[in-house]
Protein backbone atom coordinates (compact mmCIF):
# COMPACT_ATOMS: atom_id res chain seq x y z
CA MET A 1 39.41 -30.20 -19.46
CA LEU A 2 37.68 -27.56 -17.35
CA MET A 3 38.71 -24.07 -18.46
CA PHE A 4 37.60 -20.49 -17.92
CA ARG A 5 37.90 -17.16 -19.69
CA ASP A 6 37.32 -13.73 -18.18
CA PHE A 7 35.74 -10.78 -19.98
CA VAL A 8 36.68 -7.51 -18.29
CA PRO A 9 35.51 -4.05 -19.40
CA LYS A 10 38.46 -2.45 -21.19
CA GLN A 11 40.08 0.70 -19.88
CA VAL A 12 39.49 3.59 -22.29
CA ARG A 13 41.25 6.32 -20.29
CA ASN A 14 44.12 6.04 -17.83
CA ALA A 15 43.84 7.32 -14.29
CA GLY A 16 45.09 10.86 -13.88
CA MET A 17 46.42 12.84 -11.00
CA PHE A 18 42.97 13.91 -9.86
CA GLY A 19 40.76 11.04 -10.92
CA GLY A 20 40.39 7.38 -11.68
CA GLY A 21 40.50 5.73 -15.04
CA GLU A 22 37.51 5.32 -17.32
CA PHE A 23 36.28 1.91 -18.41
CA GLU A 24 33.82 0.49 -20.92
CA THR A 25 30.46 -0.55 -19.53
CA PHE A 26 29.76 -3.92 -17.97
CA GLU A 27 27.41 -4.54 -20.88
CA SER A 28 30.35 -4.32 -23.29
CA ALA A 29 32.02 -7.20 -21.41
CA VAL A 30 28.79 -9.21 -21.65
CA ALA A 31 28.63 -8.49 -25.39
CA ALA A 32 32.27 -9.58 -25.84
CA ALA A 33 31.56 -12.85 -24.00
CA GLY A 34 28.53 -13.48 -26.21
CA GLU A 35 30.52 -12.83 -29.38
CA TRP A 36 33.30 -15.19 -28.27
CA LEU A 37 30.83 -17.94 -27.36
CA LYS A 38 29.16 -17.66 -30.76
CA ALA A 39 32.38 -17.36 -32.81
CA GLU A 40 34.12 -20.26 -31.06
CA ARG A 41 30.93 -22.34 -30.75
CA ILE A 42 31.59 -22.78 -27.03
CA ARG A 43 28.96 -24.43 -24.86
CA PRO A 44 29.42 -22.84 -21.45
CA MET A 45 29.06 -24.85 -18.26
CA GLN A 46 28.65 -21.78 -16.03
CA LEU A 47 28.55 -18.00 -16.41
CA GLU A 48 29.44 -15.85 -13.42
CA THR A 49 29.49 -12.19 -12.60
CA VAL A 50 32.60 -11.67 -10.51
CA VAL A 51 32.55 -8.59 -8.27
CA LEU A 52 35.72 -7.41 -6.58
CA PRO A 53 35.58 -4.73 -3.86
CA ASP A 54 36.50 -1.23 -5.01
CA ILE A 55 37.73 -2.42 -8.39
CA TRP A 56 35.22 -3.64 -11.03
CA GLN A 57 33.02 -6.49 -12.04
CA PHE A 58 33.52 -8.86 -14.93
CA ILE A 59 32.11 -11.98 -16.58
CA ARG A 60 33.77 -15.40 -16.11
CA VAL A 61 32.81 -18.20 -18.50
CA TRP A 62 33.52 -21.78 -17.39
CA TYR A 63 33.60 -24.32 -20.22
CA ASP A 64 34.85 -27.75 -21.19
CA ASP A 65 37.44 -27.48 -23.96
CA GLY A 66 36.76 -31.04 -25.17
CA ARG A 67 40.17 -32.47 -24.34
CA ASP A 68 40.59 -35.50 -22.08
CA VAL A 69 37.17 -36.89 -22.96
CA GLU A 70 37.93 -40.33 -21.51
CA GLY A 71 38.98 -39.10 -18.08
CA HIS A 72 36.45 -36.31 -17.74
CA PRO A 73 34.73 -36.52 -14.32
CA PHE A 74 31.36 -35.24 -15.62
CA ARG A 75 30.85 -37.76 -18.45
C-alpha cells in the first residue's frame, strides 16, 4: 500500500506577542527522515521537499509498506 510520512522541523520556542516561533533547522528534519529510513529499513519510492507559502518547508517520504502485494499496481 502506498504510504507517506512527513518530517517537519520541530518548534523549539512558541510565538510570542512580538515575534514568531523558533523552529529547528530544515537539516534536522532531513536527519530525522534518514534515521527513520535506516531504523525501519524503509525503501523510499520518492522523497520530496514540500514548501508552503509563509509557513515552512518539510520532507515527505513516499514508500510502499509491503501490504497488498498481490494487488499492488506497480508490481
